Protein backbone atom coordinates (compact mmCIF):
# COMPACT_ATOMS: atom_id res chain seq x y z
CA MET A 1 0.26 0.01 -0.05
CA PHE A 2 2.88 2.51 0.64
CA ASP A 3 4.46 1.45 -2.82
CA ILE A 4 5.91 4.99 -4.07
CA ASP A 5 5.18 3.90 -7.87
CA LEU A 6 1.74 2.79 -7.04
CA TRP A 7 0.81 6.15 -5.51
CA ARG A 8 2.62 8.18 -8.25
CA GLU A 9 0.33 6.04 -10.60
CA ILE A 10 -2.81 6.74 -8.78
CA PHE A 11 -1.70 10.87 -8.79
CA GLN A 12 -1.02 10.64 -12.70
CA SER A 13 -4.44 9.12 -12.99
CA ILE A 14 -6.09 11.39 -11.20
CA ASN A 15 -4.44 14.34 -12.85
CA LYS A 16 -5.14 13.10 -16.22
CA ASN A 17 -8.78 12.93 -15.45
CA ARG A 18 -9.32 15.82 -13.54
CA LEU A 19 -13.00 16.64 -14.50
CA ARG A 20 -13.55 13.07 -13.33
CA SER A 21 -12.35 13.32 -10.27
CA MET A 22 -13.65 16.86 -9.53
CA LEU A 23 -17.04 15.58 -10.23
CA SER A 24 -16.71 12.66 -7.90
CA GLY A 25 -15.27 14.62 -5.33
CA PHE A 26 -17.68 17.24 -5.34
CA THR A 27 -20.43 14.50 -4.91
CA VAL A 28 -19.08 13.51 -1.65
CA ALA A 29 -17.91 17.43 -0.45
CA PHE A 30 -21.66 18.27 -1.17
CA ALA A 31 -23.11 15.60 0.95
CA ILE A 32 -20.69 16.03 3.89
CA MET A 33 -21.26 19.93 3.74
CA LEU A 34 -25.07 19.55 3.68
CA PHE A 35 -24.85 16.87 6.48
CA THR A 36 -22.95 19.22 8.57
CA ILE A 37 -24.86 22.27 8.25
CA LEU A 38 -28.10 20.48 8.74
CA PHE A 39 -26.95 19.13 12.09
CA GLY A 40 -25.47 22.08 13.12
CA ILE A 41 -28.80 23.96 12.69
CA ALA A 42 -30.52 21.26 14.72
CA ASN A 43 -27.85 21.53 17.52
CA GLY A 44 -28.49 25.57 17.03
CA LEU A 45 -32.22 25.16 17.80
CA SER A 46 -31.46 22.55 20.83
CA ASN A 47 -29.16 25.44 22.20
CA THR A 48 -31.60 27.97 21.95
CA PHE A 49 -34.07 25.92 24.09
CA ALA A 50 -31.61 24.71 26.72
CA GLU A 51 -30.48 28.68 27.01
CA ALA A 52 -34.21 29.61 27.28
CA PHE A 53 -34.19 27.44 30.63
CA GLY A 54 -30.51 27.59 31.43
CA ASP A 55 -30.68 29.96 34.39
CA ASP A 56 -33.43 27.77 36.12
CA ALA A 57 -33.18 24.28 37.42
CA THR A 58 -35.15 22.32 34.82
CA ASN A 59 -37.69 20.61 37.35
CA SER A 60 -38.57 23.94 38.94
CA ILE A 61 -42.24 25.17 39.77
CA PHE A 62 -43.12 28.93 40.20
CA ILE A 63 -45.92 29.78 42.40
CA GLN A 64 -47.30 33.67 41.92
CA SER A 65 -50.13 35.17 43.64
CA GLY A 66 -52.24 37.44 41.91
CA THR A 67 -55.99 39.34 42.12
CA THR A 68 -59.30 37.18 41.71
CA THR A 69 -61.09 37.88 38.76
CA THR A 70 -64.14 36.25 39.62
CA ALA A 71 -66.38 35.93 42.36
CA HIS A 72 -66.55 32.81 44.77
CA LYS A 73 -68.24 31.39 47.86
CA GLY A 74 -69.47 34.97 48.68
CA MET A 75 -66.27 36.85 47.88
CA GLN A 76 -66.02 39.39 45.44
CA ALA A 77 -63.84 39.60 42.62
CA GLY A 78 -60.54 41.98 42.89
CA ARG A 79 -59.36 40.55 45.98
CA ARG A 80 -55.58 40.46 46.40
CA ILE A 81 -54.12 36.92 47.30
CA GLN A 82 -51.24 37.25 49.62
CA PHE A 83 -48.69 34.33 50.42
CA ASP A 84 -47.18 34.27 54.12
CA ASN A 85 -44.96 32.28 55.71
CA GLU A 86 -47.77 29.67 56.90
CA ASP A 87 -48.58 29.10 53.13
CA PHE A 88 -45.18 28.34 52.47
CA ASN A 89 -44.76 25.78 55.69
CA TYR A 90 -48.16 24.30 53.98
CA ILE A 91 -46.59 23.49 50.80
CA LYS A 92 -43.25 22.23 52.23
CA ASP A 93 -45.11 20.06 54.84
CA ASP A 94 -47.96 18.72 52.56
CA ASN A 95 -45.73 17.38 49.87
CA GLY A 96 -43.08 15.93 51.50
CA ASN A 97 -40.55 13.81 49.09
CA LYS A 98 -42.57 15.20 46.03
CA ILE A 99 -40.46 18.21 46.44
CA GLU A 100 -36.82 18.38 46.13
CA PHE A 101 -35.78 22.23 47.00
CA ILE A 102 -38.14 24.98 48.18
CA THR A 103 -37.73 28.52 48.73
CA ALA A 104 -39.70 31.98 48.96
CA ARG A 105 -38.84 35.27 47.05
CA ILE A 106 -39.55 38.80 48.47
CA TYR A 107 -38.64 41.44 45.81
CA LYS A 108 -37.00 44.72 46.92
CA ASN A 109 -35.20 47.66 44.80
CA VAL A 110 -32.42 49.18 46.83
CA THR A 111 -29.59 51.82 46.40
CA ALA A 112 -26.43 50.20 47.41
CA THR A 113 -23.42 52.18 48.60
CA PHE A 114 -19.92 51.41 49.49
CA ARG A 115 -17.77 54.32 50.16
CA ASN A 116 -17.91 56.67 47.40
CA GLU A 117 -19.66 54.18 44.79
CA GLN A 118 -23.37 54.12 44.45
CA ASN A 119 -25.81 52.00 42.18
CA SER A 120 -29.26 50.63 42.31
CA TYR A 121 -29.50 47.08 42.29
CA SER A 122 -32.48 44.39 42.76
CA VAL A 123 -32.65 42.31 46.03
CA GLN A 124 -34.22 39.02 46.49
CA ALA A 125 -34.76 37.89 49.84
CA VAL A 126 -34.90 33.99 49.77
CA HIS A 127 -34.18 30.60 51.76
CA PRO A 128 -31.13 28.48 51.47
CA ASP A 129 -32.72 26.13 48.92
CA HIS A 130 -32.62 29.24 46.50
CA MET A 131 -29.17 28.61 45.02
CA PHE A 132 -30.23 25.26 43.69
CA LEU A 133 -33.03 26.33 42.04
CA GLU A 134 -31.19 29.28 40.08
CA LYS A 135 -27.97 27.50 39.65
CA THR A 136 -25.94 30.13 41.61
CA ILE A 137 -22.24 29.23 42.01
CA ILE A 138 -20.49 30.64 45.00
CA ARG A 139 -16.93 32.19 44.09
CA GLU A 140 -16.09 33.36 47.58
CA GLY A 141 -17.36 33.32 50.73
CA ARG A 142 -20.70 31.04 51.53
CA TYR A 143 -24.52 31.20 50.57
CA ILE A 144 -27.52 32.32 52.74
CA ASN A 145 -27.94 29.37 55.71
CA GLN A 146 -30.32 28.34 58.26
CA ARG A 147 -29.06 30.27 61.22
CA ASP A 148 -29.18 33.19 58.91
CA LEU A 149 -32.76 32.90 58.70
CA ASN A 150 -33.37 31.65 62.45
CA GLU A 151 -31.56 34.83 63.57
CA ARG A 152 -32.62 37.28 61.00
CA THR A 153 -29.10 38.39 60.42
CA LYS A 154 -28.25 41.27 58.32
CA VAL A 155 -26.16 39.40 55.61
CA VAL A 156 -26.19 39.38 51.85
CA VAL A 157 -24.62 37.28 48.97
CA ILE A 158 -23.69 39.94 46.19
CA GLY A 159 -23.27 39.11 42.36
CA ARG A 160 -20.01 39.32 40.67
CA LEU A 161 -21.01 42.42 38.96
CA VAL A 162 -21.95 44.07 41.88
CA GLU A 163 -18.66 43.75 43.63
CA GLU A 164 -17.08 45.11 40.32
CA ASP A 165 -19.48 47.90 40.29
CA LEU A 166 -18.92 49.20 43.97
CA PHE A 167 -15.70 47.43 45.55
CA LEU A 168 -13.16 49.12 43.12
CA LYS A 169 -10.18 48.43 45.06
CA THR A 170 -10.74 45.97 47.28
CA THR A 171 -12.88 42.37 47.61
CA ALA A 172 -16.45 42.66 48.81
CA LEU A 173 -16.11 39.74 51.18
CA GLY A 174 -16.50 40.52 54.88
CA LYS A 175 -17.17 44.34 53.96
CA TYR A 176 -20.52 46.17 54.86
CA ILE A 177 -22.60 47.31 51.93
CA ASN A 178 -25.15 50.06 52.71
CA LEU A 179 -28.83 49.17 51.33
CA SER A 180 -31.04 52.22 51.42
CA GLY A 181 -29.56 53.23 54.68
CA ILE A 182 -29.17 49.76 56.33
CA GLN A 183 -25.93 48.11 56.80
CA TYR A 184 -25.40 44.61 55.76
CA LYS A 185 -22.15 42.22 55.88
CA VAL A 186 -21.09 40.52 52.41
CA VAL A 187 -20.74 36.94 53.16
CA GLY A 188 -20.52 35.60 49.63
CA ILE A 189 -20.11 36.50 45.99
CA PHE A 190 -21.67 34.54 43.51
CA THR A 191 -21.58 33.81 39.59
CA ASP A 192 -24.74 32.70 37.58
CA GLU A 193 -25.29 31.22 34.38
CA GLY A 194 -28.04 33.44 33.50
CA GLY A 195 -25.80 36.37 32.42
CA ASP A 196 -25.04 40.11 33.85
CA ASN A 197 -28.89 40.60 34.85
CA GLN A 198 -28.34 37.73 37.39
CA GLU A 199 -24.82 38.49 38.56
CA ARG A 200 -26.34 41.97 39.45
CA LEU A 201 -28.76 40.52 41.86
CA ILE A 202 -28.36 40.72 45.68
CA TYR A 203 -29.58 37.87 48.34
CA MET A 204 -30.57 38.27 51.70
CA PRO A 205 -32.42 36.09 54.18
CA VAL A 206 -36.10 36.09 53.64
CA THR A 207 -36.64 36.45 57.39
CA THR A 208 -34.46 39.66 57.49
CA ALA A 209 -36.33 41.25 54.43
CA GLN A 210 -39.67 40.47 56.51
CA GLN A 211 -38.30 42.17 59.60
CA VAL A 212 -36.72 45.12 58.08
CA TYR A 213 -39.41 45.80 55.28
CA GLY A 214 -42.55 45.90 56.89
CA ASN A 215 -42.19 43.96 60.03
CA ASN A 216 -44.40 41.12 58.62
CA ASP A 217 -44.45 37.46 57.43
CA TYR A 218 -45.52 38.19 53.85
CA ILE A 219 -43.64 36.80 50.81
CA ASP A 220 -44.07 37.45 47.09
CA GLN A 221 -43.41 34.18 45.11
CA ILE A 222 -42.87 30.53 46.10
CA ASN A 223 -40.59 28.53 44.11
CA LEU A 224 -39.62 24.66 44.37
CA THR A 225 -38.21 21.93 42.33
CA TYR A 226 -39.98 18.86 41.95
CA ASN A 227 -38.62 15.25 42.93
CA PRO A 228 -36.36 14.67 39.73
CA GLU A 229 -37.34 10.91 39.98
CA MET A 230 -41.00 12.20 38.56
CA ASN A 231 -41.48 11.92 34.65
CA PHE A 232 -43.02 14.79 32.87
CA ASP A 233 -46.54 13.26 33.15
CA GLN A 234 -46.10 12.92 37.15
CA ALA A 235 -44.41 16.46 37.61
CA ILE A 236 -47.42 17.76 35.44
CA ALA A 237 -50.18 16.13 37.64
CA PHE A 238 -48.27 17.12 40.39
CA SER A 239 -48.50 20.97 40.04
CA ASN A 240 -51.91 20.69 38.60
CA SER A 241 -53.07 18.93 42.05
CA LEU A 242 -50.95 21.92 44.01
CA THR A 243 -52.68 24.24 42.28
CA LYS A 244 -56.36 23.15 42.91
CA LYS A 245 -54.98 22.69 46.79
CA LEU A 246 -54.07 26.49 46.64
CA LYS A 247 -57.05 27.67 45.46
CA GLU A 248 -59.13 25.83 47.78
CA ARG A 249 -56.95 27.30 50.43
CA PHE A 250 -57.50 30.82 49.35
CA SER A 251 -61.43 30.24 48.43
CA VAL A 252 -60.62 30.88 44.53
CA ALA A 253 -62.80 29.71 41.78
CA ALA A 254 -61.07 26.78 39.66
CA THR A 255 -61.71 28.68 36.67
CA ASP A 256 -59.83 32.05 37.81
CA GLN A 257 -56.54 31.86 36.06
CA ARG A 258 -55.15 35.07 37.57
CA ALA A 259 -55.50 34.98 41.35
CA ILE A 260 -52.91 31.86 41.50
CA ARG A 261 -50.45 31.20 38.80
CA VAL A 262 -48.55 27.98 38.89
CA ARG A 263 -45.94 27.49 36.27
CA ASN A 264 -44.22 24.21 35.82
CA LEU A 265 -41.19 23.88 33.59
CA ALA A 266 -42.13 20.34 33.03
CA SER A 267 -44.86 21.23 30.48
CA ASP A 268 -42.45 23.70 28.81
CA ASN A 269 -39.53 20.93 28.72
CA LYS A 270 -41.96 18.07 27.40
CA ALA A 271 -43.08 20.06 24.54
CA VAL A 272 -39.37 21.24 24.11
CA ASN A 273 -38.13 17.66 24.18
CA GLN A 274 -40.90 16.55 21.83
CA MET A 275 -39.97 19.16 19.45
CA THR A 276 -36.54 18.50 19.75
CA THR A 277 -37.02 14.74 19.06
CA VAL A 278 -39.12 15.48 15.99
CA LEU A 279 -36.39 17.69 14.88
CA GLY A 280 -33.87 15.31 15.48
CA VAL A 281 -35.60 12.50 13.43
CA LEU A 282 -36.31 14.67 10.49
CA VAL A 283 -32.79 15.98 10.41
CA LEU A 284 -31.33 12.43 10.88
CA ILE A 285 -33.73 11.26 7.97
CA ILE A 286 -32.75 14.22 5.70
CA GLY A 287 -29.25 13.77 6.72
CA MET A 288 -29.16 9.88 6.03
CA GLY A 289 -30.97 10.95 2.69
CA THR A 290 -27.94 13.20 1.80
CA LEU A 291 -25.42 10.57 2.55
CA ILE A 292 -27.14 7.97 0.38
CA ALA A 293 -27.33 10.47 -2.34
CA GLY A 294 -23.62 10.86 -2.06
CA ILE A 295 -23.22 7.10 -1.91
CA VAL A 296 -25.30 6.59 -5.27
CA GLY A 297 -23.46 9.39 -6.64
CA ILE A 298 -19.88 7.98 -5.96
CA SER A 299 -20.83 4.71 -7.06
CA ASN A 300 -22.44 5.72 -10.34
CA ILE A 301 -19.18 7.81 -10.94
CA MET A 302 -16.96 4.69 -9.90
CA ILE A 303 -18.75 2.34 -12.43
CA PHE A 304 -18.43 4.84 -15.13
CA ILE A 305 -14.81 5.19 -14.50
CA VAL A 306 -13.92 1.27 -14.25
CA LYS A 307 -16.03 0.80 -17.48
CA GLU A 308 -14.07 3.51 -19.16
CA ARG A 309 -11.00 2.27 -18.09
CA THR A 310 -11.72 -1.44 -18.99
CA LYS A 311 -9.20 -1.22 -22.30
CA GLU A 312 -6.51 0.11 -19.77
CA ILE A 313 -7.19 -2.99 -17.45
CA GLY A 314 -6.69 -5.29 -20.58
CA ILE A 315 -3.42 -3.86 -21.48
CA ARG A 316 -2.41 -3.95 -17.67
CA LYS A 317 -3.33 -7.79 -17.71
CA ALA A 318 -1.54 -8.37 -21.33
CA LEU A 319 1.38 -6.76 -19.55
CA GLY A 320 1.31 -9.38 -16.60
CA ALA A 321 -0.41 -7.20 -13.99
CA SER A 322 -2.10 -9.26 -11.33
CA PRO A 323 -5.86 -8.73 -10.49
CA LYS A 324 -5.11 -7.66 -7.08
CA SER A 325 -2.64 -4.84 -8.28
CA ILE A 326 -5.44 -3.62 -10.64
CA VAL A 327 -8.11 -3.45 -8.04
CA SER A 328 -5.75 -1.91 -5.85
CA ILE A 329 -5.33 1.19 -8.19
CA ILE A 330 -8.72 1.78 -8.62
CA LEU A 331 -9.60 1.07 -4.93
CA LEU A 332 -7.06 3.42 -3.68
CA GLU A 333 -7.96 6.20 -6.17
CA SER A 334 -11.50 5.86 -4.73
CA VAL A 335 -10.77 6.24 -1.46
CA LEU A 336 -8.20 9.09 -1.75
CA ILE A 337 -10.70 11.09 -3.76
CA THR A 338 -13.69 10.42 -1.00
CA ALA A 339 -11.39 10.98 1.79
CA ILE A 340 -9.98 14.61 0.32
CA ALA A 341 -13.23 15.44 -0.68
CA GLY A 342 -15.11 14.65 2.65
CA TYR A 343 -12.47 16.49 4.49
CA VAL A 344 -13.21 19.79 2.03
CA GLY A 345 -16.81 19.39 2.82
CA LEU A 346 -16.47 19.18 6.34
CA LEU A 347 -14.21 22.33 6.16
CA ILE A 348 -16.49 23.90 4.22
CA GLY A 349 -19.74 22.92 6.23
CA VAL A 350 -18.01 24.17 9.60
CA GLY A 351 -16.69 27.06 8.21
CA ALA A 352 -20.43 28.07 7.13
CA LEU A 353 -21.54 27.42 10.53
CA GLU A 354 -18.95 29.71 12.31
CA TYR A 355 -19.39 32.66 9.60
CA PHE A 356 -23.32 32.75 9.63
CA GLY A 357 -23.67 31.26 12.93
CA PRO A 358 -23.94 34.76 14.97
CA GLY A 359 -26.50 36.15 12.37
CA LEU A 360 -28.98 32.93 12.60
CA LYS A 361 -29.63 33.90 16.55
CA GLU A 362 -32.34 36.12 15.38
CA TYR A 363 -33.95 33.30 13.71
CA PHE A 364 -33.81 31.25 17.41
CA ILE A 365 -30.52 29.26 16.07
CA THR A 366 -27.64 29.94 19.03
CA ASP A 367 -24.28 28.73 18.25
CA PRO A 368 -24.96 25.98 15.52
CA SER A 369 -22.29 23.46 15.67
CA VAL A 370 -21.94 19.89 15.05
CA SER A 371 -20.07 16.99 16.90
CA SER A 372 -16.85 16.48 14.92
CA SER A 373 -17.33 12.60 15.83
CA LEU A 374 -20.57 12.50 14.11
CA VAL A 375 -19.16 14.15 10.84
CA VAL A 376 -15.95 12.19 10.94
CA SER A 377 -18.10 9.13 11.24
CA ALA A 378 -20.42 10.22 8.27
CA THR A 379 -17.10 10.61 6.14
CA ILE A 380 -15.84 7.30 7.14
CA VAL A 381 -19.10 5.82 5.91
CA LEU A 382 -18.62 7.85 2.49
CA ILE A 383 -15.20 6.62 2.33
CA LEU A 384 -16.10 3.18 3.07
CA ALA A 385 -18.88 3.29 0.35
CA GLY A 386 -16.86 4.93 -2.32
CA GLY A 387 -14.13 2.08 -1.60
CA LEU A 388 -16.85 -0.56 -1.99
CA ALA A 389 -18.20 1.33 -5.14
CA GLY A 390 -14.82 1.19 -6.69
CA TYR A 391 -14.01 -2.45 -5.51
CA LEU A 392 -16.82 -4.37 -6.86
CA PRO A 393 -16.68 -3.13 -10.33
CA ALA A 394 -12.75 -3.09 -10.26
CA LYS A 395 -12.99 -6.68 -9.01
CA LYS A 396 -15.49 -7.70 -12.07
CA ALA A 397 -13.08 -6.01 -14.21
CA SER A 398 -10.01 -7.33 -13.20
CA GLN A 399 -11.39 -10.98 -13.78
CA ILE A 400 -12.12 -10.09 -17.81
CA LYS A 401 -9.78 -11.71 -20.21
CA PRO A 402 -7.43 -9.46 -21.75
CA ILE A 403 -8.54 -10.09 -25.35
CA VAL A 404 -12.12 -9.44 -24.42
CA ALA A 405 -11.31 -6.25 -22.47
CA LEU A 406 -9.10 -4.87 -25.39
CA ARG A 407 -12.02 -5.30 -27.91
CA ASN A 408 -14.52 -3.53 -25.55
CA ASP A 409 -16.07 -0.25 -26.86
């Protein structure tokens, strides 16, 4: 296989028949390029869906209160539903092992000051479990803990960008930050996959916020994650049951959609999974169709090539060439053309994804890319197909008697 004369002859044959070689290569290159782009776009759509839920745990349920729109049990419409600690404990205790993590939220806007620096930020008062729902990553220090809740300590955990905004020449950890006139100790600094907006948040214990801002036990929202062992249907049934119980607890009509709103990411994830599955199947079918078209194309070209070279094969045999050497020349030529063309198609496909990728975000295609192993596997399939396409007719032609081959028109 490493006979230099053999390879010199192969390259001479390719150079002599440039148009034929280019047509053979174009079929393979186009198939691999299209295969790469299709799977890259499919991955881009999947990335968009993943990014939409990237900041929250995928098994999250968000419970928000609102205003009643329907009169019910003698109560007029327009009644404001207000959650409190007792409602939080009810949900937590009533559902036991159905809940993985649970937290309340209280939203506040503050003006934060450290020395001569000042800026406005959003504060979320939460329970310790909140860090698992938001995928918060502690970079320095710690998160809010149960002791902070019990003792209502004035501590905060700030985002990375809050530290960059206010603590220009020092670290924030252990320092005191003034939030609208009240001093809080910074016990932790976090990063968040949700981006800049999430990294400009400030977290504090929910009980501290209740005492400082109103001296009550009100909460604005309750978030939880359901047991990850539940499938989508079980999770949806759980949130439906939770909604029904809360409406009964607050005497809200079953048809009232605004008084208590429960959003379960399981519903969104189920729809996304169904969509991506269908999309994946369609892309796979189209991609395989493209590869099959490439295989058929290269096979037809190789059959034509062997037929075109029948007289040449006859002369080689008349001069003493063995059937094995004849097959090797045609087979290696086929594999070489297919491999080079496949690589070129891969480069064009990847290059197109990288060049046009940023502009595709407005079409909900984020960071379109394709696994190199997938494309290499597809290229290997085409190389094997090209080799097989060259081998079968070459084998048949090598068995023809020289006199018959020389008479062939």
